[in-house]
Amino acid sequence: MFLTVTQSLLMGFLATLKLFTLTLVFALPLGLFICFGSMSRFAVIRYPIKFLIWIIRGTPLLLQLLIIYYGPGIMGHNVWGSKDTGRFIAALIAFVINYACYFSEIYRGGIQSVPIGQYEAGKVLGMTNGQIFRRIILLQLIKRIVPPISNEIITLVKDTSLARVIAVYEIIWNGQSFIKSAGIVWPLFYTGVFYLVFSGILTLLFRYIEQRLSYFR
């Protein structure tokens, strides 16, 4: 029984890992674009993006999942269908939008924490804004945002469990299924081992990254 449960949870964890990885792949760069938009000098760009960030950060991710998945169907356009792929894509879109908005605020804080004098020094040296960002700001930005970004990423590991509300078969869904099928509850608690191990690996990875970036001290 233990082997059967472990195999089932591993399959669920692969779905969890897929959702986690794809969320980061899309949310990290999208967050940077949202950050630039929220810092734009043009009000027509800045205010709508700030409003979007306020909405996303002010409402639960669970509610956003439900709206993105069920919303189109309520309006008469069931774009996701009833298959597993559609549910997964809906969950992925919800996670990407949510985390991109959180990442954008982390990026913004990191950029604004760099002293203005460094921008002015780059201008004196004849650099363009793009060159200043790439050669002066970027490495310092990475150093400053690693701790808060790492916290959000570890939170993402646990938040993937919310995808089960729209029937995405992630690890907790698989663990809970044994309650009905076999009348046992321990597989549900066993899922915590997978989360702890994965979070521990990420913690060690980010600790290593912070040490590698310690040359800014």
N, C-alpha and C. Protein backbone atom coordinates (compact mmCIF):
# COMPACT_ATOMS: atom_id res chain seq x y z
N MET A 1 0.83 -1.21 0.00
CA MET A 1 0.00 0.00 0.00
C MET A 1 0.87 1.26 0.00
N PHE A 2 1.95 1.22 0.80
CA PHE A 2 2.82 2.40 0.87
C PHE A 2 3.41 2.73 -0.50
N LEU A 3 3.83 1.69 -1.23
CA LEU A 3 4.41 1.91 -2.56
C LEU A 3 3.36 2.47 -3.52
N THR A 4 2.15 1.95 -3.44
CA THR A 4 1.07 2.43 -4.30
C THR A 4 0.76 3.90 -4.03
N VAL A 5 0.69 4.25 -2.75
CA VAL A 5 0.44 5.64 -2.37
C VAL A 5 1.56 6.54 -2.85
N THR A 6 2.80 6.11 -2.65
CA THR A 6 3.95 6.92 -3.06
C THR A 6 3.96 7.16 -4.56
N GLN A 7 3.66 6.13 -5.34
CA GLN A 7 3.61 6.28 -6.80
C GLN A 7 2.52 7.26 -7.21
N SER A 8 1.36 7.18 -6.56
CA SER A 8 0.26 8.10 -6.86
C SER A 8 0.63 9.53 -6.51
N LEU A 9 1.25 9.71 -5.35
CA LEU A 9 1.64 11.05 -4.93
C LEU A 9 2.74 11.62 -5.82
N LEU A 10 3.62 10.76 -6.30
CA LEU A 10 4.67 11.22 -7.22
C LEU A 10 4.05 11.74 -8.51
N MET A 11 3.02 11.05 -9.00
CA MET A 11 2.33 11.52 -10.20
C MET A 11 1.68 12.88 -9.94
N GLY A 12 1.05 13.01 -8.77
CA GLY A 12 0.47 14.29 -8.41
C GLY A 12 1.51 15.37 -8.25
N PHE A 13 2.66 15.01 -7.69
CA PHE A 13 3.72 15.98 -7.49
C PHE A 13 4.29 16.46 -8.82
N LEU A 14 4.31 15.59 -9.83
CA LEU A 14 4.77 16.01 -11.15
C LEU A 14 3.86 17.10 -11.71
N ALA A 15 2.56 16.98 -11.48
CA ALA A 15 1.62 18.03 -11.91
C ALA A 15 1.87 19.31 -11.12
N THR A 16 2.12 19.16 -9.82
CA THR A 16 2.45 20.31 -8.98
C THR A 16 3.72 20.99 -9.47
N LEU A 17 4.73 20.18 -9.76
CA LEU A 17 6.02 20.71 -10.24
C LEU A 17 5.87 21.40 -11.59
N LYS A 18 5.04 20.84 -12.45
CA LYS A 18 4.79 21.45 -13.76
C LYS A 18 4.13 22.81 -13.61
N LEU A 19 3.12 22.89 -12.75
CA LEU A 19 2.44 24.16 -12.52
C LEU A 19 3.39 25.17 -11.90
N PHE A 20 4.20 24.74 -10.95
CA PHE A 20 5.18 25.60 -10.29
C PHE A 20 6.19 26.15 -11.30
N THR A 21 6.76 25.26 -12.11
CA THR A 21 7.81 25.66 -13.05
C THR A 21 7.29 26.61 -14.12
N LEU A 22 6.15 26.28 -14.72
CA LEU A 22 5.61 27.13 -15.77
C LEU A 22 5.17 28.48 -15.23
N THR A 23 4.69 28.51 -14.00
CA THR A 23 4.33 29.79 -13.38
C THR A 23 5.55 30.70 -13.28
N LEU A 24 6.66 30.15 -12.83
CA LEU A 24 7.89 30.95 -12.72
C LEU A 24 8.39 31.40 -14.09
N VAL A 25 8.37 30.49 -15.05
CA VAL A 25 8.87 30.80 -16.40
C VAL A 25 8.14 32.00 -16.99
N PHE A 26 6.84 32.08 -16.78
CA PHE A 26 6.05 33.18 -17.35
C PHE A 26 5.92 34.38 -16.41
N ALA A 27 5.81 34.13 -15.10
CA ALA A 27 5.53 35.22 -14.16
C ALA A 27 6.74 36.10 -13.91
N LEU A 28 7.94 35.53 -13.87
CA LEU A 28 9.13 36.34 -13.59
C LEU A 28 9.37 37.42 -14.65
N PRO A 29 9.40 37.08 -15.96
CA PRO A 29 9.56 38.16 -16.95
C PRO A 29 8.34 39.06 -17.06
N LEU A 30 7.13 38.48 -16.95
CA LEU A 30 5.93 39.32 -17.02
C LEU A 30 5.90 40.32 -15.88
N GLY A 31 6.35 39.91 -14.70
CA GLY A 31 6.41 40.82 -13.57
C GLY A 31 7.30 42.01 -13.84
N LEU A 32 8.39 41.79 -14.58
CA LEU A 32 9.29 42.90 -14.90
C LEU A 32 8.62 43.90 -15.84
N PHE A 33 7.87 43.39 -16.83
CA PHE A 33 7.14 44.28 -17.73
C PHE A 33 6.06 45.07 -16.97
N ILE A 34 5.36 44.38 -16.07
CA ILE A 34 4.35 45.07 -15.27
C ILE A 34 5.00 46.13 -14.39
N CYS A 35 6.18 45.81 -13.86
CA CYS A 35 6.92 46.77 -13.05
C CYS A 35 7.24 48.03 -13.84
N PHE A 36 7.77 47.85 -15.05
CA PHE A 36 8.10 49.00 -15.89
C PHE A 36 6.84 49.81 -16.21
N GLY A 37 5.72 49.11 -16.44
CA GLY A 37 4.48 49.81 -16.71
C GLY A 37 3.99 50.62 -15.52
N SER A 38 4.13 50.03 -14.31
CA SER A 38 3.68 50.75 -13.11
C SER A 38 4.57 51.94 -12.78
N MET A 39 5.78 51.97 -13.35
CA MET A 39 6.71 53.07 -13.13
C MET A 39 6.77 54.03 -14.32
N SER A 40 5.91 53.78 -15.31
CA SER A 40 5.92 54.60 -16.52
C SER A 40 5.59 56.05 -16.21
N ARG A 41 6.17 56.95 -16.97
CA ARG A 41 5.85 58.36 -16.79
C ARG A 41 4.52 58.74 -17.43
N PHE A 42 3.97 57.80 -18.23
CA PHE A 42 2.69 58.06 -18.89
C PHE A 42 1.56 57.55 -18.00
N ALA A 43 0.70 58.44 -17.58
CA ALA A 43 -0.39 58.09 -16.66
C ALA A 43 -1.35 57.09 -17.27
N VAL A 44 -1.55 57.14 -18.60
CA VAL A 44 -2.48 56.24 -19.26
C VAL A 44 -2.00 54.79 -19.18
N ILE A 45 -0.71 54.59 -18.98
CA ILE A 45 -0.16 53.25 -18.79
C ILE A 45 -0.04 52.93 -17.31
N ARG A 46 0.47 53.90 -16.55
CA ARG A 46 0.78 53.67 -15.13
C ARG A 46 -0.46 53.35 -14.31
N TYR A 47 -1.52 54.13 -14.42
CA TYR A 47 -2.67 53.97 -13.53
C TYR A 47 -3.47 52.68 -13.78
N PRO A 48 -3.72 52.28 -15.03
CA PRO A 48 -4.40 50.99 -15.22
C PRO A 48 -3.60 49.80 -14.67
N ILE A 49 -2.29 49.85 -14.81
CA ILE A 49 -1.48 48.76 -14.30
C ILE A 49 -1.47 48.76 -12.78
N LYS A 50 -1.38 49.92 -12.18
CA LYS A 50 -1.45 50.01 -10.72
C LYS A 50 -2.80 49.51 -10.21
N PHE A 51 -3.85 49.80 -10.97
CA PHE A 51 -5.19 49.33 -10.58
C PHE A 51 -5.25 47.80 -10.65
N LEU A 52 -4.67 47.23 -11.70
CA LEU A 52 -4.63 45.77 -11.83
C LEU A 52 -3.87 45.14 -10.67
N ILE A 53 -2.72 45.71 -10.33
CA ILE A 53 -1.92 45.19 -9.22
C ILE A 53 -2.73 45.26 -7.92
N TRP A 54 -3.44 46.36 -7.73
CA TRP A 54 -4.26 46.52 -6.51
C TRP A 54 -5.34 45.44 -6.43
N ILE A 55 -5.98 45.16 -7.56
CA ILE A 55 -7.03 44.14 -7.61
C ILE A 55 -6.45 42.76 -7.29
N ILE A 56 -5.36 42.42 -7.94
CA ILE A 56 -4.77 41.08 -7.78
C ILE A 56 -4.23 40.89 -6.37
N ARG A 57 -3.58 41.89 -5.83
CA ARG A 57 -3.00 41.75 -4.49
C ARG A 57 -4.07 41.85 -3.40
N GLY A 58 -5.20 42.43 -3.73
CA GLY A 58 -6.24 42.65 -2.72
C GLY A 58 -7.30 41.56 -2.67
N THR A 59 -7.23 40.59 -3.59
CA THR A 59 -8.22 39.51 -3.60
C THR A 59 -7.50 38.17 -3.47
N PRO A 60 -8.15 37.15 -2.92
CA PRO A 60 -7.50 35.85 -2.74
C PRO A 60 -7.22 35.16 -4.07
N LEU A 61 -6.11 34.45 -4.12
CA LEU A 61 -5.77 33.66 -5.30
C LEU A 61 -6.86 32.62 -5.59
N LEU A 62 -7.46 32.07 -4.54
CA LEU A 62 -8.53 31.10 -4.71
C LEU A 62 -9.69 31.70 -5.50
N LEU A 63 -10.07 32.94 -5.17
CA LEU A 63 -11.15 33.61 -5.89
C LEU A 63 -10.76 33.86 -7.34
N GLN A 64 -9.52 34.24 -7.56
CA GLN A 64 -9.05 34.48 -8.93
C GLN A 64 -9.09 33.21 -9.77
N LEU A 65 -8.74 32.08 -9.16
CA LEU A 65 -8.83 30.79 -9.86
C LEU A 65 -10.27 30.51 -10.28
N LEU A 66 -11.19 30.71 -9.37
CA LEU A 66 -12.59 30.43 -9.66
C LEU A 66 -13.13 31.36 -10.75
N ILE A 67 -12.76 32.63 -10.69
CA ILE A 67 -13.24 33.59 -11.69
C ILE A 67 -12.69 33.26 -13.08
N ILE A 68 -11.39 32.97 -13.15
CA ILE A 68 -10.78 32.69 -14.45
C ILE A 68 -11.31 31.40 -15.05
N TYR A 69 -11.57 30.40 -14.21
CA TYR A 69 -12.05 29.12 -14.75
C TYR A 69 -13.55 29.15 -15.04
N TYR A 70 -14.35 29.64 -14.09
CA TYR A 70 -15.80 29.60 -14.26
C TYR A 70 -16.37 30.84 -14.94
N GLY A 71 -15.64 31.96 -14.88
CA GLY A 71 -16.15 33.21 -15.42
C GLY A 71 -16.56 33.14 -16.89
N PRO A 72 -15.69 32.66 -17.78
CA PRO A 72 -16.08 32.59 -19.20
C PRO A 72 -17.32 31.73 -19.44
N GLY A 73 -17.45 30.63 -18.69
CA GLY A 73 -18.63 29.78 -18.85
C GLY A 73 -19.90 30.47 -18.41
N ILE A 74 -19.82 31.26 -17.33
CA ILE A 74 -20.99 32.00 -16.85
C ILE A 74 -21.46 33.00 -17.91
N MET A 75 -20.48 33.56 -18.65
CA MET A 75 -20.82 34.53 -19.69
C MET A 75 -21.14 33.87 -21.03
N GLY A 76 -21.21 32.53 -21.02
CA GLY A 76 -21.61 31.82 -22.22
C GLY A 76 -20.49 31.40 -23.13
N HIS A 77 -19.24 31.49 -22.65
CA HIS A 77 -18.09 31.10 -23.47
C HIS A 77 -17.20 30.16 -22.66
N ASN A 78 -17.46 28.88 -22.76
CA ASN A 78 -16.69 27.89 -22.00
C ASN A 78 -15.38 27.60 -22.74
N VAL A 79 -14.42 28.50 -22.58
CA VAL A 79 -13.18 28.41 -23.35
C VAL A 79 -12.27 27.29 -22.86
N TRP A 80 -12.47 26.84 -21.64
CA TRP A 80 -11.56 25.84 -21.07
C TRP A 80 -12.00 24.41 -21.36
N GLY A 81 -13.25 24.19 -21.66
CA GLY A 81 -13.75 22.84 -21.88
C GLY A 81 -13.82 22.06 -20.57
N SER A 82 -13.93 20.77 -20.68
CA SER A 82 -14.05 19.92 -19.49
C SER A 82 -12.87 18.98 -19.32
N LYS A 83 -11.84 19.11 -20.14
CA LYS A 83 -10.70 18.21 -20.08
C LYS A 83 -9.65 18.72 -19.10
N ASP A 84 -8.74 17.84 -18.74
CA ASP A 84 -7.69 18.18 -17.77
C ASP A 84 -6.82 19.32 -18.28
N THR A 85 -6.53 19.32 -19.58
CA THR A 85 -5.64 20.35 -20.14
C THR A 85 -6.23 21.74 -19.96
N GLY A 86 -7.53 21.89 -20.20
CA GLY A 86 -8.18 23.18 -20.04
C GLY A 86 -8.14 23.67 -18.62
N ARG A 87 -8.38 22.78 -17.68
CA ARG A 87 -8.33 23.16 -16.26
C ARG A 87 -6.92 23.57 -15.86
N PHE A 88 -5.94 22.85 -16.37
CA PHE A 88 -4.55 23.18 -16.03
C PHE A 88 -4.18 24.55 -16.59
N ILE A 89 -4.55 24.83 -17.83
CA ILE A 89 -4.23 26.12 -18.44
C ILE A 89 -4.90 27.26 -17.68
N ALA A 90 -6.14 27.06 -17.27
CA ALA A 90 -6.85 28.09 -16.48
C ALA A 90 -6.11 28.35 -15.17
N ALA A 91 -5.69 27.27 -14.50
CA ALA A 91 -4.95 27.43 -13.25
C ALA A 91 -3.62 28.14 -13.50
N LEU A 92 -2.95 27.78 -14.58
CA LEU A 92 -1.66 28.40 -14.89
C LEU A 92 -1.81 29.89 -15.14
N ILE A 93 -2.84 30.29 -15.89
CA ILE A 93 -3.06 31.71 -16.17
C ILE A 93 -3.32 32.47 -14.88
N ALA A 94 -4.13 31.89 -13.99
CA ALA A 94 -4.42 32.55 -12.72
C ALA A 94 -3.14 32.72 -11.90
N PHE A 95 -2.33 31.68 -11.83
CA PHE A 95 -1.09 31.75 -11.06
C PHE A 95 -0.10 32.74 -11.66
N VAL A 96 0.01 32.75 -12.98
CA VAL A 96 0.96 33.65 -13.64
C VAL A 96 0.57 35.11 -13.38
N ILE A 97 -0.69 35.44 -13.56
CA ILE A 97 -1.13 36.82 -13.34
C ILE A 97 -0.92 37.23 -11.89
N ASN A 98 -1.30 36.35 -10.97
CA ASN A 98 -1.17 36.66 -9.54
C ASN A 98 0.28 36.90 -9.16
N TYR A 99 1.15 35.96 -9.50
CA TYR A 99 2.54 36.07 -9.07
C TYR A 99 3.30 37.13 -9.85
N ALA A 100 2.92 37.39 -11.09
CA ALA A 100 3.57 38.46 -11.85
C ALA A 100 3.34 39.81 -11.17
N CYS A 101 2.14 40.01 -10.64
CA CYS A 101 1.85 41.28 -9.95
C CYS A 101 2.65 41.39 -8.66
N TYR A 102 2.77 40.30 -7.92
CA TYR A 102 3.59 40.34 -6.70
C TYR A 102 5.07 40.55 -7.04
N PHE A 103 5.55 39.85 -8.06
CA PHE A 103 6.94 40.01 -8.46
C PHE A 103 7.21 41.44 -8.93
N SER A 104 6.24 42.06 -9.61
CA SER A 104 6.43 43.41 -10.12
C SER A 104 6.69 44.40 -8.98
N GLU A 105 6.00 44.22 -7.86
CA GLU A 105 6.21 45.10 -6.72
C GLU A 105 7.58 44.86 -6.07
N ILE A 106 8.02 43.62 -6.10
CA ILE A 106 9.37 43.33 -5.58
C ILE A 106 10.42 43.97 -6.48
N TYR A 107 10.24 43.84 -7.80
CA TYR A 107 11.15 44.49 -8.75
C TYR A 107 11.17 46.00 -8.53
N ARG A 108 9.99 46.57 -8.40
CA ARG A 108 9.90 48.03 -8.24
C ARG A 108 10.64 48.48 -6.99
N GLY A 109 10.44 47.76 -5.89
CA GLY A 109 11.15 48.11 -4.66
C GLY A 109 12.65 48.00 -4.81
N GLY A 110 13.10 46.96 -5.54
CA GLY A 110 14.53 46.80 -5.75
C GLY A 110 15.12 47.90 -6.60
N ILE A 111 14.42 48.27 -7.67
CA ILE A 111 14.90 49.34 -8.55
C ILE A 111 14.96 50.67 -7.81
N GLN A 112 13.91 50.97 -7.06
CA GLN A 112 13.85 52.26 -6.37
C GLN A 112 14.82 52.34 -5.18
N SER A 113 15.31 51.18 -4.74
CA SER A 113 16.26 51.19 -3.61
C SER A 113 17.69 51.51 -4.04
N VAL A 114 17.95 51.47 -5.34
CA VAL A 114 19.28 51.82 -5.84
C VAL A 114 19.42 53.34 -5.81
N PRO A 115 20.46 53.87 -5.18
CA PRO A 115 20.62 55.33 -5.07
C PRO A 115 20.55 56.04 -6.41
N ILE A 116 19.86 57.16 -6.45
CA ILE A 116 19.68 57.92 -7.69
C ILE A 116 21.01 58.40 -8.25
N GLY A 117 21.99 58.56 -7.36
CA GLY A 117 23.30 59.01 -7.82
C GLY A 117 23.94 58.07 -8.81
N GLN A 118 23.61 56.78 -8.74
CA GLN A 118 24.20 55.82 -9.67
C GLN A 118 23.61 55.99 -11.07
N TYR A 119 22.35 56.38 -11.14
CA TYR A 119 21.76 56.70 -12.44
C TYR A 119 22.44 57.93 -13.03
N GLU A 120 22.65 58.94 -12.17
CA GLU A 120 23.27 60.18 -12.63
C GLU A 120 24.70 59.96 -13.07
N ALA A 121 25.41 59.07 -12.37
CA ALA A 121 26.79 58.77 -12.76
C ALA A 121 26.82 58.10 -14.12
N GLY A 122 25.87 57.22 -14.38
CA GLY A 122 25.80 56.58 -15.69
C GLY A 122 25.53 57.58 -16.79
N LYS A 123 24.66 58.55 -16.51
CA LYS A 123 24.38 59.60 -17.49
C LYS A 123 25.63 60.42 -17.79
N VAL A 124 26.39 60.74 -16.73
CA VAL A 124 27.63 61.51 -16.91
C VAL A 124 28.61 60.76 -17.80
N LEU A 125 28.63 59.44 -17.67
CA LEU A 125 29.53 58.62 -18.48
C LEU A 125 29.01 58.42 -19.90
N GLY A 126 27.86 58.97 -20.21
CA GLY A 126 27.32 58.90 -21.57
C GLY A 126 26.54 57.64 -21.86
N MET A 127 26.11 56.93 -20.83
CA MET A 127 25.34 55.70 -21.04
C MET A 127 23.87 56.02 -21.34
N THR A 128 23.28 55.14 -22.11
CA THR A 128 21.83 55.24 -22.33
C THR A 128 21.11 54.63 -21.12
N ASN A 129 19.79 54.83 -21.06
CA ASN A 129 19.02 54.25 -19.95
C ASN A 129 19.13 52.73 -19.93
N GLY A 130 19.11 52.11 -21.11
CA GLY A 130 19.25 50.67 -21.20
C GLY A 130 20.59 50.19 -20.69
N GLN A 131 21.66 50.89 -21.05
CA GLN A 131 23.00 50.53 -20.60
C GLN A 131 23.14 50.70 -19.08
N ILE A 132 22.56 51.77 -18.56
CA ILE A 132 22.61 51.99 -17.11
C ILE A 132 21.92 50.85 -16.39
N PHE A 133 20.78 50.43 -16.91
CA PHE A 133 20.03 49.35 -16.25
C PHE A 133 20.82 48.04 -16.32
N ARG A 134 21.37 47.71 -17.48
CA ARG A 134 22.05 46.43 -17.65
C ARG A 134 23.38 46.39 -16.91
N ARG A 135 24.16 47.47 -16.97
CA ARG A 135 25.53 47.44 -16.47
C ARG A 135 25.67 47.89 -15.01
N ILE A 136 24.74 48.70 -14.53
CA ILE A 136 24.87 49.25 -13.18
C ILE A 136 23.78 48.74 -12.24
N ILE A 137 22.55 48.78 -12.72
CA ILE A 137 21.41 48.52 -11.84
C ILE A 137 21.10 47.04 -11.70
N LEU A 138 21.21 46.28 -12.78
CA LEU A 138 20.68 44.92 -12.82
C LEU A 138 21.26 44.01 -11.74
N LEU A 139 22.60 43.98 -11.62
CA LEU A 139 23.21 43.09 -10.64
C LEU A 139 22.85 43.49 -9.21
N GLN A 140 22.80 44.79 -8.97
CA GLN A 140 22.38 45.24 -7.63
C GLN A 140 20.91 44.91 -7.38
N LEU A 141 20.10 45.01 -8.42
CA LEU A 141 18.68 44.67 -8.31
C LEU A 141 18.52 43.20 -7.93
N ILE A 142 19.25 42.33 -8.60
CA ILE A 142 19.16 40.89 -8.31
C ILE A 142 19.54 40.62 -6.87
N LYS A 143 20.61 41.25 -6.41
CA LYS A 143 21.06 41.06 -5.03
C LYS A 143 19.97 41.47 -4.03
N ARG A 144 19.30 42.57 -4.31
CA ARG A 144 18.32 43.11 -3.36
C ARG A 144 17.00 42.34 -3.37
N ILE A 145 16.65 41.74 -4.51
CA ILE A 145 15.34 41.10 -4.60
C ILE A 145 15.37 39.60 -4.32
N VAL A 146 16.56 39.01 -4.21
CA VAL A 146 16.62 37.56 -3.99
C VAL A 146 15.86 37.12 -2.73
N PRO A 147 16.06 37.77 -1.57
CA PRO A 147 15.32 37.32 -0.37
C PRO A 147 13.80 37.39 -0.53
N PRO A 148 13.22 38.54 -0.96
CA PRO A 148 11.75 38.56 -1.10
C PRO A 148 11.24 37.66 -2.22
N ILE A 149 12.01 37.56 -3.31
CA ILE A 149 11.59 36.67 -4.41
C ILE A 149 11.60 35.23 -3.93
N SER A 150 12.61 34.85 -3.16
CA SER A 150 12.69 33.47 -2.67
C SER A 150 11.50 33.14 -1.76
N ASN A 151 11.08 34.11 -0.95
CA ASN A 151 9.90 33.90 -0.10
C ASN A 151 8.65 33.66 -0.94
N GLU A 152 8.49 34.45 -2.00
CA GLU A 152 7.32 34.29 -2.86
C GLU A 152 7.36 32.95 -3.59
N ILE A 153 8.54 32.53 -4.01
CA ILE A 153 8.65 31.27 -4.74
C ILE A 153 8.34 30.08 -3.84
N ILE A 154 8.80 30.14 -2.60
CA ILE A 154 8.48 29.06 -1.66
C ILE A 154 7.00 29.07 -1.33
N THR A 155 6.40 30.26 -1.26
CA THR A 155 4.95 30.34 -1.07
C THR A 155 4.21 29.73 -2.26
N LEU A 156 4.76 29.94 -3.46
CA LEU A 156 4.16 29.36 -4.66
C LEU A 156 4.09 27.84 -4.58
N VAL A 157 5.13 27.23 -4.01
CA VAL A 157 5.14 25.77 -3.86
C VAL A 157 3.87 25.30 -3.15
N LYS A 158 3.53 26.01 -2.09
CA LYS A 158 2.35 25.62 -1.30
C LYS A 158 1.05 26.08 -1.95
N ASP A 159 1.08 27.22 -2.62
CA ASP A 159 -0.14 27.73 -3.25
C ASP A 159 -0.63 26.86 -4.40
N THR A 160 0.27 26.07 -4.99
CA THR A 160 -0.16 25.20 -6.09
C THR A 160 -1.28 24.25 -5.66
N SER A 161 -1.37 23.99 -4.36
CA SER A 161 -2.42 23.11 -3.86
C SER A 161 -3.82 23.69 -4.08
N LEU A 162 -3.91 25.01 -4.27
CA LEU A 162 -5.21 25.64 -4.49
C LEU A 162 -5.81 25.23 -5.83
N ALA A 163 -4.98 24.75 -6.75
CA ALA A 163 -5.48 24.38 -8.07
C ALA A 163 -6.48 23.24 -8.00
N ARG A 164 -6.51 22.53 -6.89
CA ARG A 164 -7.44 21.41 -6.76
C ARG A 164 -8.89 21.86 -6.76
N VAL A 165 -9.15 23.14 -6.47
CA VAL A 165 -10.54 23.61 -6.41
C VAL A 165 -11.19 23.62 -7.79
N ILE A 166 -10.37 23.61 -8.85
CA ILE A 166 -10.93 23.49 -10.20
C ILE A 166 -10.54 22.14 -10.79
N ALA A 167 -10.31 21.16 -9.90
CA ALA A 167 -10.09 19.76 -10.28
C ALA A 167 -8.81 19.56 -11.08
N VAL A 168 -7.76 20.31 -10.76
CA VAL A 168 -6.42 20.00 -11.29
C VAL A 168 -5.83 18.94 -10.37
N TYR A 169 -5.43 17.83 -10.94
CA TYR A 169 -5.03 16.68 -10.13
C TYR A 169 -3.59 16.80 -9.65
N GLU A 170 -3.38 17.70 -8.70
CA GLU A 170 -2.05 17.87 -8.12
C GLU A 170 -1.90 16.92 -6.93
N ILE A 171 -0.85 17.06 -6.17
CA ILE A 171 -0.49 16.06 -5.16
C ILE A 171 -1.52 15.92 -4.04
N ILE A 172 -2.08 17.03 -3.57
CA ILE A 172 -3.06 16.92 -2.48
C ILE A 172 -4.35 16.26 -2.97
N TRP A 173 -4.74 16.54 -4.21
CA TRP A 173 -5.90 15.86 -4.78
C TRP A 173 -5.67 14.35 -4.75
N ASN A 174 -4.48 13.92 -5.18
CA ASN A 174 -4.18 12.49 -5.19
C ASN A 174 -4.16 11.91 -3.78
N GLY A 175 -3.60 12.68 -2.84
CA GLY A 175 -3.56 12.20 -1.46
C GLY A 175 -4.95 12.07 -0.85
N GLN A 176 -5.81 13.05 -1.13
CA GLN A 176 -7.16 13.04 -0.58
C GLN A 176 -8.01 11.94 -1.21
N SER A 177 -7.69 11.54 -2.43
CA SER A 177 -8.50 10.53 -3.11
C SER A 177 -8.49 9.19 -2.38
N PHE A 178 -7.44 8.92 -1.58
CA PHE A 178 -7.36 7.65 -0.85
C PHE A 178 -8.35 7.60 0.31
N ILE A 179 -8.84 8.77 0.74
CA ILE A 179 -9.83 8.77 1.82
C ILE A 179 -11.11 8.09 1.34
N LYS A 180 -11.50 8.40 0.09
CA LYS A 180 -12.72 7.80 -0.45
C LYS A 180 -12.48 6.39 -0.98
N SER A 181 -11.35 6.20 -1.67
CA SER A 181 -11.13 4.92 -2.34
C SER A 181 -10.69 3.81 -1.39
N ALA A 182 -9.89 4.16 -0.37
CA ALA A 182 -9.35 3.12 0.52
C ALA A 182 -9.70 3.34 1.99
N GLY A 183 -10.32 4.46 2.30
CA GLY A 183 -10.70 4.73 3.68
C GLY A 183 -9.52 5.03 4.59
N ILE A 184 -8.44 5.54 4.03
CA ILE A 184 -7.25 5.87 4.83
C ILE A 184 -6.93 7.35 4.65
N VAL A 185 -6.46 7.97 5.72
CA VAL A 185 -6.20 9.41 5.69
C VAL A 185 -4.72 9.75 5.66
N TRP A 186 -3.85 8.79 6.03
CA TRP A 186 -2.43 9.13 6.14
C TRP A 186 -1.79 9.57 4.82
N PRO A 187 -2.26 9.14 3.63
CA PRO A 187 -1.65 9.67 2.40
C PRO A 187 -1.78 11.18 2.27
N LEU A 188 -2.87 11.73 2.81
CA LEU A 188 -3.04 13.19 2.75
C LEU A 188 -1.95 13.89 3.55
N PHE A 189 -1.63 13.35 4.73
CA PHE A 189 -0.56 13.95 5.54
C PHE A 189 0.82 13.66 4.94
N TYR A 190 0.91 12.53 4.25
CA TYR A 190 2.17 12.15 3.60
C TYR A 190 2.58 13.18 2.54
N THR A 191 1.59 13.87 1.95
CA THR A 191 1.92 14.88 0.94
C THR A 191 2.81 15.98 1.52
N GLY A 192 2.69 16.21 2.84
CA GLY A 192 3.51 17.25 3.47
C GLY A 192 4.99 16.97 3.35
N VAL A 193 5.37 15.68 3.28
CA VAL A 193 6.78 15.33 3.13
C VAL A 193 7.32 15.86 1.81
N PHE A 194 6.53 15.74 0.75
CA PHE A 194 6.97 16.21 -0.57
C PHE A 194 7.15 17.73 -0.55
N TYR A 195 6.21 18.44 0.07
CA TYR A 195 6.33 19.90 0.16
C TYR A 195 7.55 20.31 0.97
N LEU A 196 7.78 19.63 2.08
CA LEU A 196 8.91 19.97 2.95
C LEU A 196 10.24 19.74 2.24
N VAL A 197 10.36 18.62 1.55
CA VAL A 197 11.60 18.31 0.85
C VAL A 197 11.86 19.32 -0.26
N PHE A 198 10.83 19.60 -1.05
CA PHE A 198 11.00 20.53 -2.16
C PHE A 198 11.31 21.94 -1.65
N SER A 199 10.61 22.38 -0.62
CA SER A 199 10.88 23.70 -0.04
C SER A 199 12.28 23.76 0.55
N GLY A 200 12.73 22.66 1.15
CA GLY A 200 14.08 22.62 1.71
C GLY A 200 15.13 22.76 0.63
N ILE A 201 14.93 22.09 -0.50
CA ILE A 201 15.87 22.20 -1.62
C ILE A 201 15.92 23.63 -2.14
N LEU A 202 14.76 24.26 -2.28
CA LEU A 202 14.71 25.65 -2.75
C LEU A 202 15.38 26.59 -1.75
N THR A 203 15.19 26.35 -0.46
CA THR A 203 15.82 27.18 0.57
C THR A 203 17.34 27.12 0.46
N LEU A 204 17.87 25.92 0.29
CA LEU A 204 19.32 25.75 0.14
C LEU A 204 19.82 26.43 -1.14
N LEU A 205 19.04 26.31 -2.20
CA LEU A 205 19.42 26.93 -3.47
C LEU A 205 19.50 28.44 -3.35
N PHE A 206 18.48 29.05 -2.75
CA PHE A 206 18.48 30.50 -2.61
C PHE A 206 19.55 30.98 -1.63
N ARG A 207 19.84 30.18 -0.62
CA ARG A 207 20.93 30.53 0.30
C ARG A 207 22.25 30.55 -0.45
N TYR A 208 22.44 29.60 -1.34
CA TYR A 208 23.66 29.57 -2.17
C TYR A 208 23.74 30.79 -3.08
N ILE A 209 22.60 31.14 -3.70
CA ILE A 209 22.57 32.31 -4.58
C ILE A 209 22.91 33.58 -3.80
N GLU A 210 22.37 33.73 -2.60
CA GLU A 210 22.66 34.91 -1.79
C GLU A 210 24.14 34.98 -1.44
N GLN A 211 24.75 33.84 -1.15
CA GLN A 211 26.18 33.82 -0.85
C GLN A 211 27.00 34.21 -2.07
N ARG A 212 26.58 33.76 -3.24
CA ARG A 212 27.29 34.11 -4.48
C ARG A 212 27.19 35.59 -4.79
N LEU A 213 26.13 36.22 -4.33
CA LEU A 213 25.92 37.65 -4.60
C LEU A 213 26.41 38.53 -3.45
N SER A 214 27.14 37.95 -2.52
CA SER A 214 27.59 38.70 -1.34
C SER A 214 28.70 39.68 -1.66
N TYR A 215 29.20 39.71 -2.91
CA TYR A 215 30.29 40.64 -3.25
C TYR A 215 29.83 42.09 -3.22
N PHE A 216 28.50 42.35 -3.08
CA PHE A 216 28.02 43.71 -3.01
C PHE A 216 28.15 44.30 -1.61
N ARG A 217 28.56 43.48 -0.62
CA ARG A 217 28.66 43.99 0.73
C ARG A 217 29.80 44.99 0.86
